[in-house]
Amino acid sequence: MKKRIIALLVLLIVCYSCGEKKSAETTTETEYTEGSITLSEAQFTNSGMTLGSLEEKSFPVTIAVNGMIDVPPENRAVVNATLGGYIKRTPLLIGDVVKKGQLLVTVENPEFITLQQEYMEVKQQLAYLKSEYDRQQTLMDEKITSQKSLLRAESEYKSAYAKYKGLKKQLQMLNISSAEVEKGNISSVASIFAPIGGSITQVNISKGSYVSPASPILEIIDNDHIHLELSVFEKDIMNIKKGQPIRFRIPEASKKTFQAEVYLIGTSIDENRTIKVHAHLKKEGANNFLTGMFVDAEIITENTTAKAVASAAIVEQDDKFYILRKLDQKANTYNFETIEIQPGKVFEGYTEIKNADSFSTSDRFLTKGAFDVFGE
C-alpha cells in the first residue's frame, strides 16, 4: 500500500514539473516594466529588427495644388470642313495615330463643282481681258483711244484677276488641285488632311452625315510635349517662382510620384480666385500620360532641415506618439525605454522630431519592428 502511495506522489511531482516547463515555454519573450521593454536577442534577430539614430534631414515647404495634364495649343487641332458637305469617307477611329498631311476624311458637295466651273470661266476670260487691256494701253500711247476706255479695260481685267486669285485660293483650301481643274478634271469631292501629327481623340461624324463649316469633325492631340496646368490660390501665388520643383501624382491611375518644375505663372485671377501655373515635366516621354488626367501636386517653395527618425520607428497609441530608445544590451537581451515624442513634417520615410533636443547624438532607437513590439 505504501509503495502505491509513493508511486502516486512521484507521478504527481513529475506532472507538476512538466506543467511548469510547458508554461515557461509558452510565455512571451518580451518583458514589460513601467516605461521600459525588454526583448530577447532571438526575438530581435528573428523579427528583423534594426536600430538607428536621429539624422539631419531636409524637409520641403510645399503648397498643395491640383490641375491636369494638358498640351500646348499648337499640339491640339480641331478639324473642320471649309465649305461643309456630306462625309463620303471616314476611315479613322478614336485612338488612331496619324501623321501630318495624312488623309482624314473626304467631303462631297455639289457647290464644289460650281466653284470649279467659275474658276474655269474666269480663267478663260482672263486671257481676253488682259489682251484688251494691253491693246487699250497701246492705243492710249498713240492717242487713238480715250482715257475712259483704258480705265474700263483696266478695271475689267483687274476685277477678273482678283476673282481668279480668290477662286484659286478657295480651291487650295478645299485641297482641290487648280492644275487638275484647268485640265478639265472637275470633282465634287474635297479631301481634308491632318494639320498636325498625333492621336485621334474625338470623332464627331459618320459616313453620309452632313457637316457645316462650324462643325468639328475630328480632334487630334500630339502628346509629344505635355505639361501641367495647375490652379494656385490667390493667397499662395506670391510664394511661387519660376524653376521651383514640383512633385505630383495621378491619383486615379498610379501611386507613383512624378517630377516637374514651374515654367510660367499666370498674370490674371480666375473667377474662383486662382491663378494658372504652367509646369514642364521631367522625363515626360518615360510615362504614358494622357491629356486631361487629373493631378494632385505639391510645389516646393523652400527646404528646411530638422532632426528626424525613420517613420517606422514611431508608434501611435491613444493619440500619443512614442519611440523606443535603447538603454543597454546585455548577453541575450535588449532593453528599451518608451519615450513620448512630438512628430512634425514627414518626407520620404522620415519624420521630424520636434523635441529632438531631449536626445543625444549617441542615442539609438528601434527603427524597424517597433509597431510589432507595442502590439504584443
Protein backbone atom coordinates (compact mmCIF):
# COMPACT_ATOMS: atom_id res chain seq x y z
CA MET A 1 0.00 0.00 0.00
CA LYS A 2 2.85 2.34 0.92
CA LYS A 3 4.54 1.61 -2.41
CA ARG A 4 1.39 2.61 -4.29
CA ILE A 5 1.17 5.91 -2.38
CA ILE A 6 4.84 6.69 -3.07
CA ALA A 7 4.39 5.94 -6.79
CA LEU A 8 1.38 8.22 -6.94
CA LEU A 9 3.31 11.06 -5.27
CA VAL A 10 6.19 10.68 -7.74
CA LEU A 11 3.73 10.79 -10.65
CA LEU A 12 2.15 14.00 -9.33
CA ILE A 13 5.57 15.66 -8.92
CA VAL A 14 6.56 14.75 -12.50
CA CYS A 15 3.29 16.10 -13.90
CA TYR A 16 3.68 19.33 -11.91
CA SER A 17 7.22 19.81 -13.20
CA CYS A 18 6.14 19.24 -16.81
CA GLY A 19 3.34 21.76 -16.41
CA GLU A 20 5.77 24.39 -15.10
CA LYS A 21 8.15 23.74 -18.00
CA LYS A 22 5.36 23.99 -20.57
CA SER A 23 4.09 27.20 -19.02
CA ALA A 24 7.56 28.71 -19.15
CA GLU A 25 7.91 27.79 -22.84
CA THR A 26 4.62 29.39 -23.87
CA THR A 27 5.26 32.78 -22.23
CA THR A 28 6.29 35.68 -24.48
CA GLU A 29 9.90 36.64 -24.77
CA THR A 30 9.00 40.35 -24.35
CA GLU A 31 9.08 41.57 -20.77
CA TYR A 32 7.41 44.80 -19.77
CA THR A 33 8.13 47.06 -16.86
CA GLU A 34 6.74 50.52 -16.41
CA GLY A 35 8.22 52.72 -19.17
CA SER A 36 10.56 50.02 -20.48
CA ILE A 37 10.55 46.95 -22.72
CA THR A 38 12.97 44.04 -22.79
CA LEU A 39 13.47 41.98 -25.95
CA SER A 40 15.38 38.76 -26.24
CA GLU A 41 18.18 38.55 -28.76
CA ALA A 42 16.31 35.78 -30.59
CA GLN A 43 13.19 37.92 -30.88
CA PHE A 44 15.25 40.90 -32.09
CA THR A 45 17.05 38.84 -34.73
CA ASN A 46 14.18 36.65 -35.92
CA SER A 47 11.86 39.64 -36.37
CA GLY A 48 14.43 41.50 -38.48
CA MET A 49 14.52 44.46 -36.10
CA THR A 50 17.04 47.26 -36.68
CA LEU A 51 18.47 50.18 -34.75
CA GLY A 52 19.02 53.73 -35.96
CA SER A 53 19.86 57.24 -34.80
CA LEU A 54 18.48 60.72 -35.26
CA GLU A 55 19.54 62.15 -38.61
CA GLU A 56 19.65 65.64 -40.09
CA LYS A 57 17.10 65.55 -42.91
CA SER A 58 15.75 68.05 -45.41
CA PHE A 59 12.01 68.74 -45.29
CA PRO A 60 10.40 70.75 -48.10
CA VAL A 61 7.91 73.54 -47.52
CA THR A 62 5.14 72.88 -50.03
CA ILE A 63 1.94 74.36 -51.42
CA ALA A 64 -0.74 71.81 -52.28
CA VAL A 65 -2.44 72.42 -55.64
CA ASN A 66 -4.31 70.46 -58.27
CA GLY A 67 -4.68 70.62 -62.01
CA MET A 68 -4.50 68.48 -65.11
CA ILE A 69 -2.25 67.13 -67.84
CA ASP A 70 -2.50 69.29 -70.96
CA VAL A 71 -0.70 70.08 -74.22
CA PRO A 72 0.25 73.45 -75.80
CA PRO A 73 -2.30 74.97 -78.20
CA GLU A 74 -0.11 74.13 -81.21
CA ASN A 75 -0.25 70.45 -80.22
CA ARG A 76 -4.05 70.32 -80.39
CA ALA A 77 -6.03 70.60 -83.63
CA VAL A 78 -9.77 70.62 -84.32
CA VAL A 79 -10.51 69.66 -87.93
CA ASN A 80 -13.39 71.37 -89.77
CA ALA A 81 -14.79 71.33 -93.30
CA THR A 82 -14.06 74.62 -95.08
CA LEU A 83 -17.33 74.76 -97.02
CA GLY A 84 -19.29 71.91 -95.48
CA GLY A 85 -20.82 68.92 -97.20
CA TYR A 86 -21.58 65.23 -96.78
CA ILE A 87 -18.98 62.86 -95.40
CA LYS A 88 -18.05 60.38 -98.09
CA ARG A 89 -15.15 58.60 -96.43
CA THR A 90 -14.00 58.41 -92.81
CA PRO A 91 -11.60 55.52 -92.17
CA LEU A 92 -10.31 56.61 -88.75
CA LEU A 93 -11.31 55.75 -85.18
CA ILE A 94 -10.53 57.25 -81.78
CA GLY A 95 -7.01 56.22 -80.81
CA ASP A 96 -5.65 56.00 -84.34
CA VAL A 97 -2.28 57.67 -84.83
CA VAL A 98 -1.96 59.95 -87.85
CA LYS A 99 0.91 61.84 -89.45
CA LYS A 100 0.84 65.44 -90.57
CA GLY A 101 -0.60 65.63 -94.10
CA GLN A 102 -2.35 62.24 -93.87
CA LEU A 103 -5.84 61.97 -95.42
CA LEU A 104 -8.51 62.11 -92.71
CA VAL A 105 -11.90 62.35 -94.44
CA THR A 106 -13.42 63.28 -97.79
CA VAL A 107 -16.40 65.62 -98.13
CA GLU A 108 -18.80 65.77 -101.09
CA ASN A 109 -20.78 68.86 -102.08
CA PRO A 110 -22.28 69.98 -105.45
CA GLU A 111 -21.09 73.50 -104.64
CA PHE A 112 -17.53 72.31 -105.22
CA ILE A 113 -18.44 71.72 -108.88
CA THR A 114 -19.91 75.22 -109.19
CA LEU A 115 -16.76 76.69 -107.67
CA GLN A 116 -14.55 74.90 -110.18
CA GLN A 117 -16.76 75.98 -113.08
CA GLU A 118 -16.49 79.61 -112.02
CA TYR A 119 -12.74 79.22 -111.78
CA MET A 120 -12.53 77.86 -115.31
CA GLU A 121 -14.76 80.62 -116.70
CA VAL A 122 -12.70 83.38 -115.09
CA LYS A 123 -9.51 81.69 -116.21
CA GLN A 124 -10.71 81.75 -119.82
CA GLN A 125 -11.91 85.36 -119.61
CA LEU A 126 -8.65 86.50 -118.07
CA ALA A 127 -6.59 85.95 -121.21
CA TYR A 128 -9.02 88.03 -123.30
CA LEU A 129 -9.30 90.84 -120.74
CA LYS A 130 -5.51 91.02 -120.40
CA SER A 131 -5.16 91.27 -124.15
CA GLU A 132 -7.79 94.03 -124.34
CA TYR A 133 -6.12 95.95 -121.53
CA ASP A 134 -2.75 95.79 -123.30
CA ARG A 135 -4.36 96.93 -126.57
CA GLN A 136 -6.01 99.93 -124.88
CA GLN A 137 -2.67 100.93 -123.40
CA THR A 138 -1.07 100.83 -126.83
CA LEU A 139 -3.88 102.90 -128.34
CA MET A 140 -3.63 105.35 -125.50
CA ASP A 141 0.08 105.78 -126.11
CA GLU A 142 -0.72 106.57 -129.73
CA LYS A 143 -3.55 108.88 -128.58
CA ILE A 144 -6.08 106.88 -130.57
CA THR A 145 -8.36 105.87 -127.70
CA SER A 146 -9.78 107.75 -124.76
CA GLN A 147 -8.70 107.59 -121.13
CA LYS A 148 -12.15 106.30 -120.25
CA SER A 149 -11.78 103.23 -122.48
CA LEU A 150 -8.39 102.44 -120.98
CA LEU A 151 -9.71 102.71 -117.43
CA ARG A 152 -12.66 100.46 -118.28
CA ALA A 153 -10.38 97.78 -119.76
CA GLU A 154 -8.04 98.03 -116.78
CA SER A 155 -10.91 97.70 -114.31
CA GLU A 156 -12.41 94.68 -116.04
CA TYR A 157 -9.06 92.93 -116.22
CA LYS A 158 -8.06 93.58 -112.62
CA SER A 159 -11.51 92.59 -111.32
CA ALA A 160 -11.35 89.31 -113.22
CA TYR A 161 -7.79 88.72 -112.00
CA ALA A 162 -8.84 89.31 -108.36
CA LYS A 163 -11.73 86.88 -108.75
CA TYR A 164 -9.39 84.34 -110.35
CA LYS A 165 -6.96 84.56 -107.45
CA GLY A 166 -9.79 84.29 -104.91
CA LEU A 167 -11.29 81.21 -106.53
CA LYS A 168 -7.87 79.60 -106.80
CA LYS A 169 -7.32 80.18 -103.08
CA GLN A 170 -10.68 78.62 -102.24
CA LEU A 171 -9.73 75.55 -104.25
CA GLN A 172 -6.47 75.34 -102.31
CA MET A 173 -8.37 75.48 -99.03
CA LEU A 174 -10.52 72.59 -100.25
CA ASN A 175 -7.37 70.72 -101.30
CA ILE A 176 -8.62 70.65 -104.90
CA SER A 177 -5.81 71.00 -107.42
CA SER A 178 -6.31 74.04 -109.67
CA ALA A 179 -3.94 72.44 -112.20
CA GLU A 180 -6.26 69.44 -112.48
CA VAL A 181 -9.27 71.73 -112.84
CA GLU A 182 -7.54 73.59 -115.68
CA LYS A 183 -7.10 70.23 -117.39
CA GLY A 184 -10.86 69.71 -117.17
CA ASN A 185 -10.81 67.28 -114.21
CA ILE A 186 -13.67 68.59 -112.09
CA SER A 187 -14.56 66.77 -108.85
CA SER A 188 -17.41 67.03 -106.34
CA VAL A 189 -15.21 65.69 -103.52
CA ALA A 190 -12.79 67.62 -101.31
CA SER A 191 -10.17 65.99 -99.12
CA ILE A 192 -9.26 67.01 -95.58
CA PHE A 193 -5.72 66.27 -94.37
CA ALA A 194 -4.20 66.19 -90.88
CA PRO A 195 -2.78 69.62 -89.91
CA ILE A 196 -0.56 68.01 -87.24
CA GLY A 197 0.61 64.54 -86.31
CA GLY A 198 -0.82 62.86 -83.23
CA SER A 199 -3.64 60.68 -81.97
CA ILE A 200 -7.32 60.96 -82.81
CA THR A 201 -9.14 61.88 -79.59
CA GLN A 202 -12.59 62.72 -80.97
CA VAL A 203 -14.61 61.61 -83.99
CA ASN A 204 -17.88 63.54 -84.37
CA ILE A 205 -19.09 62.27 -87.74
CA SER A 206 -20.07 59.13 -89.60
CA LYS A 207 -20.29 58.27 -93.28
CA GLY A 208 -23.08 60.18 -95.01
CA SER A 209 -23.56 62.75 -92.25
CA TYR A 210 -23.67 66.44 -93.14
CA VAL A 211 -21.12 68.81 -91.62
CA SER A 212 -21.15 72.59 -91.72
CA PRO A 213 -18.03 74.76 -91.55
CA ALA A 214 -18.74 75.33 -87.85
CA SER A 215 -18.99 71.62 -87.04
CA PRO A 216 -15.86 69.96 -85.60
CA ILE A 217 -15.14 66.73 -87.46
CA LEU A 218 -12.12 65.36 -85.62
CA GLU A 219 -9.75 66.34 -82.85
CA ILE A 220 -6.04 65.48 -82.95
CA ILE A 221 -3.70 65.79 -79.99
CA ASP A 222 0.06 65.46 -80.17
CA ASN A 223 1.30 64.15 -76.81
CA ASP A 224 4.98 64.56 -77.66
CA HIS A 225 5.10 67.62 -75.44
CA ILE A 226 2.76 67.63 -72.45
CA HIS A 227 2.73 69.88 -69.42
CA LEU A 228 0.84 70.57 -66.20
CA GLU A 229 -1.80 73.26 -65.90
CA LEU A 230 -2.13 73.92 -62.17
CA SER A 231 -4.51 76.16 -60.25
CA VAL A 232 -2.90 78.08 -57.37
CA PHE A 233 -5.00 80.03 -54.89
CA GLU A 234 -4.50 83.76 -54.69
CA LYS A 235 -3.12 83.59 -51.12
CA ASP A 236 -0.25 81.33 -52.23
CA ILE A 237 0.75 82.85 -55.56
CA MET A 238 3.33 85.29 -54.11
CA ASN A 239 5.41 82.31 -52.97
CA ILE A 240 5.53 80.72 -56.44
CA LYS A 241 8.66 81.33 -58.53
CA LYS A 242 9.83 80.06 -61.90
CA GLY A 243 12.05 76.98 -61.63
CA GLN A 244 10.61 75.69 -58.34
CA PRO A 245 10.39 71.87 -58.23
CA ILE A 246 7.02 70.12 -58.25
CA ARG A 247 6.02 66.65 -57.11
CA PHE A 248 2.74 65.31 -58.49
CA ARG A 249 0.65 62.16 -58.66
CA ILE A 250 -2.14 60.85 -60.89
CA PRO A 251 -4.49 59.75 -58.08
CA GLU A 252 -6.82 57.77 -60.34
CA ALA A 253 -4.09 55.88 -62.17
CA SER A 254 -0.95 55.46 -60.06
CA LYS A 255 0.55 55.94 -56.59
CA LYS A 256 3.91 56.83 -58.11
CA THR A 257 5.26 60.36 -57.65
CA PHE A 258 6.50 62.28 -60.70
CA GLN A 259 8.64 65.38 -61.05
CA ALA A 260 8.09 68.73 -62.79
CA GLU A 261 9.07 72.38 -62.37
CA VAL A 262 7.33 75.74 -62.59
CA TYR A 263 7.78 77.28 -66.06
CA LEU A 264 5.19 80.08 -66.40
CA ILE A 265 3.00 81.88 -63.88
CA GLY A 266 -0.29 83.43 -64.95
CA THR A 267 -0.91 87.16 -64.64
CA SER A 268 -4.68 87.17 -64.12
CA ILE A 269 -7.03 85.75 -61.49
CA ASP A 270 -9.89 83.45 -62.44
CA GLU A 271 -13.43 83.75 -61.11
CA ASN A 272 -12.65 81.20 -58.37
CA ARG A 273 -9.68 83.32 -57.20
CA THR A 274 -6.99 81.04 -58.61
CA ILE A 275 -4.05 81.69 -60.94
CA LYS A 276 -2.87 79.30 -63.64
CA VAL A 277 0.66 77.95 -63.32
CA HIS A 278 2.25 76.19 -66.28
CA ALA A 279 4.79 73.48 -65.42
CA HIS A 280 7.13 71.36 -67.54
CA LEU A 281 7.55 67.67 -66.78
CA LYS A 282 10.87 65.94 -66.24
CA LYS A 283 11.29 62.73 -68.26
CA GLU A 284 7.90 63.35 -69.86
CA GLY A 285 8.44 60.71 -72.54
CA ALA A 286 9.07 57.96 -69.99
CA ASN A 287 5.42 57.79 -68.87
CA ASN A 288 2.14 57.24 -70.69
CA PHE A 289 0.40 60.41 -69.58
CA LEU A 290 -2.85 61.30 -71.30
CA THR A 291 -4.28 64.74 -71.87
CA GLY A 292 -7.00 65.55 -69.36
CA MET A 293 -5.64 63.41 -66.50
CA PHE A 294 -6.31 64.99 -63.08
CA VAL A 295 -3.23 65.58 -60.90
CA ASP A 296 -2.54 66.31 -57.24
CA ALA A 297 0.65 68.33 -56.92
CA GLU A 298 2.92 69.97 -54.38
CA ILE A 299 5.02 72.99 -55.31
CA ILE A 300 8.19 73.09 -53.20
CA THR A 301 8.82 76.71 -52.26
CA GLU A 302 11.79 76.13 -49.91
CA ASN A 303 13.60 73.44 -47.91
CA THR A 304 14.23 73.28 -44.15
CA THR A 305 16.42 70.88 -42.17
CA ALA A 306 15.50 69.15 -38.92
CA LYS A 307 16.37 66.18 -36.75
CA ALA A 308 14.36 63.19 -37.87
CA VAL A 309 13.99 59.46 -37.39
CA ALA A 310 12.66 56.74 -39.67
CA SER A 311 8.86 56.94 -39.68
CA ALA A 312 8.67 53.19 -38.95
CA ALA A 313 10.22 53.87 -35.51
CA ILE A 314 7.18 55.89 -34.38
CA VAL A 315 4.10 54.21 -32.92
CA GLU A 316 0.82 55.96 -32.15
CA GLN A 317 -1.23 54.93 -29.13
CA ASP A 318 -4.20 56.83 -27.72
CA ASP A 319 -3.39 59.89 -29.82
CA LYS A 320 0.15 59.98 -28.49
CA PHE A 321 3.38 59.11 -30.30
CA TYR A 322 6.22 57.02 -28.95
CA ILE A 323 9.63 55.68 -29.91
CA LEU A 324 11.81 53.05 -28.24
CA ARG A 325 15.24 54.26 -27.14
CA LYS A 326 17.85 51.63 -26.40
CA LEU A 327 19.00 51.62 -22.78
CA ASP A 328 21.54 48.81 -22.87
CA GLN A 329 22.30 45.44 -24.39
CA LYS A 330 23.20 42.52 -22.19
CA ALA A 331 24.17 38.97 -23.07
CA ASN A 332 20.85 37.84 -24.55
CA THR A 333 18.56 40.85 -24.18
CA TYR A 334 17.94 44.35 -25.48
CA ASN A 335 16.48 46.89 -23.06
CA PHE A 336 14.46 49.83 -24.37
CA GLU A 337 12.52 52.67 -22.79
CA THR A 338 9.36 54.15 -24.31
CA ILE A 339 9.56 57.91 -24.83
CA GLU A 340 6.78 60.19 -25.98
CA ILE A 341 7.73 62.45 -28.89
CA GLN A 342 6.27 65.34 -30.86
CA PRO A 343 6.28 64.41 -34.56
CA GLY A 344 6.46 67.07 -37.26
CA LYS A 345 6.75 67.04 -41.02
CA VAL A 346 7.02 63.74 -42.90
CA PHE A 347 9.06 63.27 -46.08
CA GLU A 348 10.43 60.23 -47.90
CA GLY A 349 10.11 57.81 -44.98
CA TYR A 350 11.42 60.15 -42.26
CA THR A 351 9.53 62.11 -39.62
CA GLU A 352 10.71 65.30 -37.95
CA ILE A 353 11.12 65.10 -34.15
CA LYS A 354 10.18 68.48 -32.69
CA ASN A 355 11.53 67.66 -29.23
CA ALA A 356 14.84 66.33 -30.61
CA ASP A 357 16.79 68.48 -28.12
CA SER A 358 15.97 65.93 -25.41
CA PHE A 359 18.05 63.29 -27.22
CA SER A 360 21.79 62.99 -27.79
CA THR A 361 23.61 62.07 -30.97
CA SER A 362 24.64 58.74 -29.45
CA ASP A 363 21.07 57.61 -28.76
CA ARG A 364 19.92 54.54 -30.63
CA PHE A 365 16.30 53.79 -31.46
CA LEU A 366 14.35 50.76 -32.65
CA THR A 367 13.70 51.83 -36.26
CA LYS A 368 12.15 48.60 -37.52
CA GLY A 369 9.75 46.38 -35.59
CA ALA A 370 8.53 48.96 -33.08
CA PHE A 371 4.90 48.54 -34.11
CA ASP A 372 5.07 44.79 -33.53
CA VAL A 373 6.55 45.28 -30.06
CA PHE A 374 3.82 47.70 -28.99
CA GLY A 375 1.18 45.45 -30.47
CA GLU A 376 2.10 42.42 -28.36
